[in-house]
Amino acid sequence: MNQKSRIGDWEGDTVISHSSRTALLTVVERKSTLLKMKKIGRKTKENVNAPLEEKLKPIKKQVLTMTFDNGASSPDIR
């Protein structure tokens, strides 16, 4: 999906600190380049999923796909 032809395709990543046990969760909407981010603790499933859902829940209708570097993820945003 390199064309960026629609709103709703998101790309996520985590940036891990070398000096501490924390990470930064980032998600970017590919067409609009809207960025959502949150500082999280260690990179665990729980520490990534809960903040991800928190950040995207208010705009859940604009979330069609979510892709991370290590594969696809489909958060349950209700």
PDB file of N, CA and C in Angstrom:
ATOM      1  N   MET A   1       0.829  -1.175   0.000  1.00  0.00           N
ATOM      2  CA  MET A   1       0.000   0.000   0.000  1.00  0.00           C
ATOM      3  C   MET A   1       0.877   1.244   0.000  1.00  0.00           C
ATOM      4  N   ASN A   2       1.639   1.468  -1.031  1.00  0.00           N
ATOM      5  CA  ASN A   2       2.528   2.603  -1.129  1.00  0.00           C
ATOM      6  C   ASN A   2       1.856   3.837  -1.717  1.00  0.00           C
ATOM      7  N   GLN A   3       0.644   3.711  -2.262  1.00  0.00           N
ATOM      8  CA  GLN A   3       0.001   4.829  -2.932  1.00  0.00           C
ATOM      9  C   GLN A   3      -0.564   5.862  -1.965  1.00  0.00           C
ATOM     10  N   LYS A   4      -0.854   5.492  -0.746  1.00  0.00           N
ATOM     11  CA  LYS A   4      -1.413   6.406   0.243  1.00  0.00           C
ATOM     12  C   LYS A   4      -2.656   7.101  -0.312  1.00  0.00           C
ATOM     13  N   SER A   5      -3.549   6.341  -0.893  1.00  0.00           N
ATOM     14  CA  SER A   5      -4.692   6.911  -1.590  1.00  0.00           C
ATOM     15  C   SER A   5      -5.927   7.093  -0.710  1.00  0.00           C
ATOM     16  N   ARG A   6      -5.892   6.611   0.529  1.00  0.00           N
ATOM     17  CA  ARG A   6      -7.078   6.748   1.374  1.00  0.00           C
ATOM     18  C   ARG A   6      -6.670   7.033   2.824  1.00  0.00           C
ATOM     19  N   ILE A   7      -7.565   7.672   3.516  1.00  0.00           N
ATOM     20  CA  ILE A   7      -7.391   7.902   4.949  1.00  0.00           C
ATOM     21  C   ILE A   7      -7.769   6.611   5.674  1.00  0.00           C
ATOM     22  N   GLY A   8      -6.984   6.216   6.653  1.00  0.00           N
ATOM     23  CA  GLY A   8      -7.337   5.058   7.467  1.00  0.00           C
ATOM     24  C   GLY A   8      -6.297   3.971   7.523  1.00  0.00           C
ATOM     25  N   ASP A   9      -5.218   4.109   6.763  1.00  0.00           N
ATOM     26  CA  ASP A   9      -4.140   3.120   6.803  1.00  0.00           C
ATOM     27  C   ASP A   9      -3.027   3.656   7.705  1.00  0.00           C
ATOM     28  N   TRP A  10      -2.799   2.960   8.804  1.00  0.00           N
ATOM     29  CA  TRP A  10      -1.868   3.411   9.839  1.00  0.00           C
ATOM     30  C   TRP A  10      -0.615   2.550   9.864  1.00  0.00           C
ATOM     31  N   GLU A  11       0.484   3.146  10.274  1.00  0.00           N
ATOM     32  CA  GLU A  11       1.755   2.449  10.429  1.00  0.00           C
ATOM     33  C   GLU A  11       2.265   2.712  11.839  1.00  0.00           C
ATOM     34  N   GLY A  12       2.617   1.660  12.549  1.00  0.00           N
ATOM     35  CA  GLY A  12       3.070   1.796  13.932  1.00  0.00           C
ATOM     36  C   GLY A  12       4.493   1.326  14.126  1.00  0.00           C
ATOM     37  N   ASP A  13       5.106   1.859  15.168  1.00  0.00           N
ATOM     38  CA  ASP A  13       6.477   1.469  15.501  1.00  0.00           C
ATOM     39  C   ASP A  13       6.724   1.774  16.969  1.00  0.00           C
ATOM     40  N   THR A  14       7.739   1.142  17.519  1.00  0.00           N
ATOM     41  CA  THR A  14       8.192   1.464  18.863  1.00  0.00           C
ATOM     42  C   THR A  14       9.654   1.862  18.789  1.00  0.00           C
ATOM     43  N   VAL A  15       9.981   2.878  19.558  1.00  0.00           N
ATOM     44  CA  VAL A  15      11.366   3.341  19.667  1.00  0.00           C
ATOM     45  C   VAL A  15      11.798   3.015  21.079  1.00  0.00           C
ATOM     46  N   ILE A  16      12.836   2.200  21.208  1.00  0.00           N
ATOM     47  CA  ILE A  16      13.269   1.723  22.519  1.00  0.00           C
ATOM     48  C   ILE A  16      14.498   2.489  22.967  1.00  0.00           C
ATOM     49  N   SER A  17      14.467   2.971  24.210  1.00  0.00           N
ATOM     50  CA  SER A  17      15.574   3.723  24.777  1.00  0.00           C
ATOM     51  C   SER A  17      16.722   2.790  25.141  1.00  0.00           C
ATOM     52  N   HIS A  18      17.942   3.218  24.836  1.00  0.00           N
ATOM     53  CA  HIS A  18      19.118   2.432  25.212  1.00  0.00           C
ATOM     54  C   HIS A  18      19.485   2.651  26.675  1.00  0.00           C
ATOM     55  N   SER A  19      19.102   3.796  27.228  1.00  0.00           N
ATOM     56  CA  SER A  19      19.535   4.139  28.579  1.00  0.00           C
ATOM     57  C   SER A  19      18.532   3.745  29.665  1.00  0.00           C
ATOM     58  N   SER A  20      17.316   3.361  29.276  1.00  0.00           N
ATOM     59  CA  SER A  20      16.334   2.972  30.287  1.00  0.00           C
ATOM     60  C   SER A  20      15.451   1.860  29.729  1.00  0.00           C
ATOM     61  N   ARG A  21      14.528   1.424  30.537  1.00  0.00           N
ATOM     62  CA  ARG A  21      13.641   0.335  30.124  1.00  0.00           C
ATOM     63  C   ARG A  21      12.301   0.882  29.652  1.00  0.00           C
ATOM     64  N   THR A  22      12.327   1.951  28.887  1.00  0.00           N
ATOM     65  CA  THR A  22      11.093   2.543  28.377  1.00  0.00           C
ATOM     66  C   THR A  22      11.121   2.572  26.853  1.00  0.00           C
ATOM     67  N   ALA A  23       9.950   2.805  26.291  1.00  0.00           N
ATOM     68  CA  ALA A  23       9.834   2.868  24.835  1.00  0.00           C
ATOM     69  C   ALA A  23       8.829   3.958  24.472  1.00  0.00           C
ATOM     70  N   LEU A  24       8.851   4.340  23.226  1.00  0.00           N
ATOM     71  CA  LEU A  24       7.912   5.304  22.689  1.00  0.00           C
ATOM     72  C   LEU A  24       7.103   4.597  21.611  1.00  0.00           C
ATOM     73  N   LEU A  25       5.786   4.598  21.758  1.00  0.00           N
ATOM     74  CA  LEU A  25       4.882   4.002  20.772  1.00  0.00           C
ATOM     75  C   LEU A  25       4.445   5.101  19.821  1.00  0.00           C
ATOM     76  N   THR A  26       4.628   4.892  18.519  1.00  0.00           N
ATOM     77  CA  THR A  26       4.198   5.874  17.534  1.00  0.00           C
ATOM     78  C   THR A  26       3.309   5.194  16.500  1.00  0.00           C
ATOM     79  N   VAL A  27       2.258   5.893  16.090  1.00  0.00           N
ATOM     80  CA  VAL A  27       1.402   5.447  14.987  1.00  0.00           C
ATOM     81  C   VAL A  27       1.134   6.654  14.098  1.00  0.00           C
ATOM     82  N   VAL A  28       1.262   6.455  12.796  1.00  0.00           N
ATOM     83  CA  VAL A  28       1.094   7.534  11.833  1.00  0.00           C
ATOM     84  C   VAL A  28       0.079   7.116  10.781  1.00  0.00           C
ATOM     85  N   GLU A  29      -0.878   7.986  10.514  1.00  0.00           N
ATOM     86  CA  GLU A  29      -1.820   7.745   9.430  1.00  0.00           C
ATOM     87  C   GLU A  29      -1.087   8.110   8.145  1.00  0.00           C
ATOM     88  N   ARG A  30      -1.004   7.184   7.220  1.00  0.00           N
ATOM     89  CA  ARG A  30      -0.103   7.308   6.072  1.00  0.00           C
ATOM     90  C   ARG A  30      -0.440   8.452   5.116  1.00  0.00           C
ATOM     91  N   LYS A  31      -1.685   8.735   4.877  1.00  0.00           N
ATOM     92  CA  LYS A  31      -2.021   9.795   3.913  1.00  0.00           C
ATOM     93  C   LYS A  31      -1.942  11.186   4.550  1.00  0.00           C
ATOM     94  N   SER A  32      -2.568  11.348   5.702  1.00  0.00           N
ATOM     95  CA  SER A  32      -2.612  12.667   6.345  1.00  0.00           C
ATOM     96  C   SER A  32      -1.363  12.967   7.164  1.00  0.00           C
ATOM     97  N   THR A  33      -0.596  11.954   7.500  1.00  0.00           N
ATOM     98  CA  THR A  33       0.591  12.000   8.370  1.00  0.00           C
ATOM     99  C   THR A  33       0.251  12.403   9.809  1.00  0.00           C
ATOM    100  N   LEU A  34      -0.998  12.192  10.217  1.00  0.00           N
ATOM    101  CA  LEU A  34      -1.382  12.436  11.603  1.00  0.00           C
ATOM    102  C   LEU A  34      -0.584  11.485  12.498  1.00  0.00           C
ATOM    103  N   LEU A  35       0.058  12.034  13.515  1.00  0.00           N
ATOM    104  CA  LEU A  35       0.902  11.256  14.416  1.00  0.00           C
ATOM    105  C   LEU A  35       0.248  11.180  15.784  1.00  0.00           C
ATOM    106  N   LYS A  36       0.200   9.974  16.333  1.00  0.00           N
ATOM    107  CA  LYS A  36      -0.221   9.741  17.711  1.00  0.00           C
ATOM    108  C   LYS A  36       0.944   9.017  18.369  1.00  0.00           C
ATOM    109  N   MET A  37       1.328   9.459  19.577  1.00  0.00           N
ATOM    110  CA  MET A  37       2.409   8.763  20.262  1.00  0.00           C
ATOM    111  C   MET A  37       2.214   8.800  21.761  1.00  0.00           C
ATOM    112  N   LYS A  38       2.872   7.839  22.418  1.00  0.00           N
ATOM    113  CA  LYS A  38       2.763   7.730  23.866  1.00  0.00           C
ATOM    114  C   LYS A  38       3.997   7.026  24.401  1.00  0.00           C
ATOM    115  N   LYS A  39       4.517   7.544  25.512  1.00  0.00           N
ATOM    116  CA  LYS A  39       5.622   6.887  26.206  1.00  0.00           C
ATOM    117  C   LYS A  39       5.053   5.684  26.948  1.00  0.00           C
ATOM    118  N   ILE A  40       5.696   4.543  26.782  1.00  0.00           N
ATOM    119  CA  ILE A  40       5.244   3.318  27.440  1.00  0.00           C
ATOM    120  C   ILE A  40       6.392   2.728  28.241  1.00  0.00           C
ATOM    121  N   GLY A  41       6.093   1.774  29.066  1.00  0.00           N
ATOM    122  CA  GLY A  41       7.129   1.061  29.809  1.00  0.00           C
ATOM    123  C   GLY A  41       7.851   0.092  28.884  1.00  0.00           C
ATOM    124  N   ARG A  42       8.240  -1.014  29.414  1.00  0.00           N
ATOM    125  CA  ARG A  42       8.891  -2.031  28.587  1.00  0.00           C
ATOM    126  C   ARG A  42       7.986  -2.405  27.421  1.00  0.00           C
ATOM    127  N   LYS A  43       8.599  -2.824  26.327  1.00  0.00           N
ATOM    128  CA  LYS A  43       7.844  -3.202  25.127  1.00  0.00           C
ATOM    129  C   LYS A  43       7.257  -4.602  25.323  1.00  0.00           C
ATOM    130  N   THR A  44       6.038  -4.623  25.855  1.00  0.00           N
ATOM    131  CA  THR A  44       5.295  -5.874  26.015  1.00  0.00           C
ATOM    132  C   THR A  44       3.973  -5.726  25.279  1.00  0.00           C
ATOM    133  N   LYS A  45       3.318  -6.831  25.051  1.00  0.00           N
ATOM    134  CA  LYS A  45       2.022  -6.812  24.365  1.00  0.00           C
ATOM    135  C   LYS A  45       1.042  -5.891  25.082  1.00  0.00           C
ATOM    136  N   GLU A  46       0.968  -6.009  26.401  1.00  0.00           N
ATOM    137  CA  GLU A  46       0.038  -5.208  27.185  1.00  0.00           C
ATOM    138  C   GLU A  46       0.409  -3.729  27.154  1.00  0.00           C
ATOM    139  N   ASN A  47       1.706  -3.425  27.252  1.00  0.00           N
ATOM    140  CA  ASN A  47       2.158  -2.034  27.259  1.00  0.00           C
ATOM    141  C   ASN A  47       1.998  -1.366  25.901  1.00  0.00           C
ATOM    142  N   VAL A  48       1.863  -2.132  24.839  1.00  0.00           N
ATOM    143  CA  VAL A  48       1.650  -1.561  23.512  1.00  0.00           C
ATOM    144  C   VAL A  48       0.153  -1.497  23.188  1.00  0.00           C
ATOM    145  N   ASN A  49      -0.577  -2.563  23.431  1.00  0.00           N
ATOM    146  CA  ASN A  49      -1.991  -2.622  23.027  1.00  0.00           C
ATOM    147  C   ASN A  49      -2.883  -1.620  23.752  1.00  0.00           C
ATOM    148  N   ALA A  50      -2.746  -1.503  25.065  1.00  0.00           N
ATOM    149  CA  ALA A  50      -3.626  -0.598  25.819  1.00  0.00           C
ATOM    150  C   ALA A  50      -3.450   0.863  25.390  1.00  0.00           C
ATOM    151  N   PRO A  51      -2.221   1.396  25.333  1.00  0.00           N
ATOM    152  CA  PRO A  51      -2.067   2.782  24.860  1.00  0.00           C
ATOM    153  C   PRO A  51      -2.471   2.962  23.402  1.00  0.00           C
ATOM    154  N   LEU A  52      -2.262   1.961  22.582  1.00  0.00           N
ATOM    155  CA  LEU A  52      -2.658   2.034  21.176  1.00  0.00           C
ATOM    156  C   LEU A  52      -4.171   2.201  21.064  1.00  0.00           C
ATOM    157  N   GLU A  53      -4.892   1.390  21.793  1.00  0.00           N
ATOM    158  CA  GLU A  53      -6.349   1.483  21.789  1.00  0.00           C
ATOM    159  C   GLU A  53      -6.811   2.825  22.367  1.00  0.00           C
ATOM    160  N   GLU A  54      -6.147   3.292  23.420  1.00  0.00           N
ATOM    161  CA  GLU A  54      -6.491   4.580  24.041  1.00  0.00           C
ATOM    162  C   GLU A  54      -6.334   5.729  23.046  1.00  0.00           C
ATOM    163  N   LYS A  55      -5.259   5.738  22.297  1.00  0.00           N
ATOM    164  CA  LYS A  55      -4.982   6.821  21.352  1.00  0.00           C
ATOM    165  C   LYS A  55      -5.909   6.792  20.136  1.00  0.00           C
ATOM    166  N   LEU A  56      -6.279   5.597  19.687  1.00  0.00           N
ATOM    167  CA  LEU A  56      -7.058   5.491  18.450  1.00  0.00           C
ATOM    168  C   LEU A  56      -8.566   5.373  18.666  1.00  0.00           C
ATOM    169  N   LYS A  57      -8.998   5.090  19.868  1.00  0.00           N
ATOM    170  CA  LYS A  57     -10.433   4.907  20.124  1.00  0.00           C
ATOM    171  C   LYS A  57     -11.268   6.122  19.700  1.00  0.00           C
ATOM    172  N   PRO A  58     -10.851   7.367  19.990  1.00  0.00           N
ATOM    173  CA  PRO A  58     -11.671   8.512  19.575  1.00  0.00           C
ATOM    174  C   PRO A  58     -11.817   8.666  18.056  1.00  0.00           C
ATOM    175  N   ILE A  59     -10.915   8.071  17.297  1.00  0.00           N
ATOM    176  CA  ILE A  59     -10.971   8.192  15.833  1.00  0.00           C
ATOM    177  C   ILE A  59     -11.099   6.826  15.173  1.00  0.00           C
ATOM    178  N   LYS A  60     -11.739   5.901  15.851  1.00  0.00           N
ATOM    179  CA  LYS A  60     -11.777   4.512  15.384  1.00  0.00           C
ATOM    180  C   LYS A  60     -12.358   4.347  13.982  1.00  0.00           C
ATOM    181  N   LYS A  61     -13.228   5.264  13.552  1.00  0.00           N
ATOM    182  CA  LYS A  61     -13.790   5.156  12.200  1.00  0.00           C
ATOM    183  C   LYS A  61     -12.756   5.476  11.127  1.00  0.00           C
ATOM    184  N   GLN A  62     -11.662   6.105  11.523  1.00  0.00           N
ATOM    185  CA  GLN A  62     -10.591   6.418  10.581  1.00  0.00           C
ATOM    186  C   GLN A  62      -9.437   5.405  10.672  1.00  0.00           C
ATOM    187  N   VAL A  63      -9.682   4.261  11.293  1.00  0.00           N
ATOM    188  CA  VAL A  63      -8.668   3.208  11.388  1.00  0.00           C
ATOM    189  C   VAL A  63      -9.149   2.013  10.576  1.00  0.00           C
ATOM    190  N   LEU A  64      -8.595   1.843   9.392  1.00  0.00           N
ATOM    191  CA  LEU A  64      -8.964   0.718   8.527  1.00  0.00           C
ATOM    192  C   LEU A  64      -7.942  -0.402   8.625  1.00  0.00           C
ATOM    193  N   THR A  65      -6.654  -0.050   8.584  1.00  0.00           N
ATOM    194  CA  THR A  65      -5.585  -1.044   8.717  1.00  0.00           C
ATOM    195  C   THR A  65      -4.518  -0.501   9.650  1.00  0.00           C
ATOM    196  N   MET A  66      -3.783  -1.433  10.280  1.00  0.00           N
ATOM    197  CA  MET A  66      -2.673  -1.077  11.158  1.00  0.00           C
ATOM    198  C   MET A  66      -1.528  -2.026  10.850  1.00  0.00           C
ATOM    199  N   THR A  67      -0.385  -1.486  10.471  1.00  0.00           N
ATOM    200  CA  THR A  67       0.779  -2.293  10.135  1.00  0.00           C
ATOM    201  C   THR A  67       1.948  -1.893  11.022  1.00  0.00           C
ATOM    202  N   PHE A  68       2.611  -2.886  11.601  1.00  0.00           N
ATOM    203  CA  PHE A  68       3.831  -2.671  12.376  1.00  0.00           C
ATOM    204  C   PHE A  68       4.987  -3.309  11.628  1.00  0.00           C
ATOM    205  N   ASP A  69       6.195  -2.924  11.965  1.00  0.00           N
ATOM    206  CA  ASP A  69       7.382  -3.476  11.318  1.00  0.00           C
ATOM    207  C   ASP A  69       7.437  -4.997  11.372  1.00  0.00           C
ATOM    208  N   ASN A  70       6.960  -5.555  12.473  1.00  0.00           N
ATOM    209  CA  ASN A  70       7.045  -7.000  12.649  1.00  0.00           C
ATOM    210  C   ASN A  70       5.784  -7.716  12.200  1.00  0.00           C
ATOM    211  N   GLY A  71       4.949  -7.059  11.411  1.00  0.00           N
ATOM    212  CA  GLY A  71       3.745  -7.712  10.918  1.00  0.00           C
ATOM    213  C   GLY A  71       2.525  -6.858  11.131  1.00  0.00           C
ATOM    214  N   ALA A  72       1.373  -7.407  10.808  1.00  0.00           N
ATOM    215  CA  ALA A  72       0.115  -6.667  10.922  1.00  0.00           C
ATOM    216  C   ALA A  72      -0.499  -6.893  12.293  1.00  0.00           C
ATOM    217  N   SER A  73      -1.208  -5.893  12.753  1.00  0.00           N
ATOM    218  CA  SER A  73      -1.894  -5.980  14.045  1.00  0.00           C
ATOM    219  C   SER A  73      -3.291  -5.400  13.855  1.00  0.00           C
ATOM    220  N   SER A  74      -4.247  -5.993  14.521  1.00  0.00           N
ATOM    221  CA  SER A  74      -5.619  -5.489  14.444  1.00  0.00           C
ATOM    222  C   SER A  74      -6.116  -5.223  15.845  1.00  0.00           C
ATOM    223  N   PRO A  75      -5.872  -4.020  16.381  1.00  0.00           N
ATOM    224  CA  PRO A  75      -6.343  -3.732  17.738  1.00  0.00           C
ATOM    225  C   PRO A  75      -7.853  -3.727  17.810  1.00  0.00           C
ATOM    226  N   ASP A  76      -8.384  -4.153  18.944  1.00  0.00           N
ATOM    227  CA  ASP A  76      -9.826  -4.205  19.155  1.00  0.00           C
ATOM    228  C   ASP A  76     -10.258  -2.870  19.741  1.00  0.00           C
ATOM    229  N   ILE A  77     -10.634  -1.925  18.878  1.00  0.00           N
ATOM    230  CA  ILE A  77     -11.016  -0.596  19.328  1.00  0.00           C
ATOM    231  C   ILE A  77     -12.545  -0.529  19.314  1.00  0.00           C
ATOM    232  N   ARG A  78     -13.123  -0.465  20.489  1.00  0.00           N
ATOM    233  CA  ARG A  78     -14.589  -0.455  20.606  1.00  0.00           C
ATOM    234  C   ARG A  78     -15.086   0.883  21.057  1.00  0.00           C
TER     235      ARG A  78
END
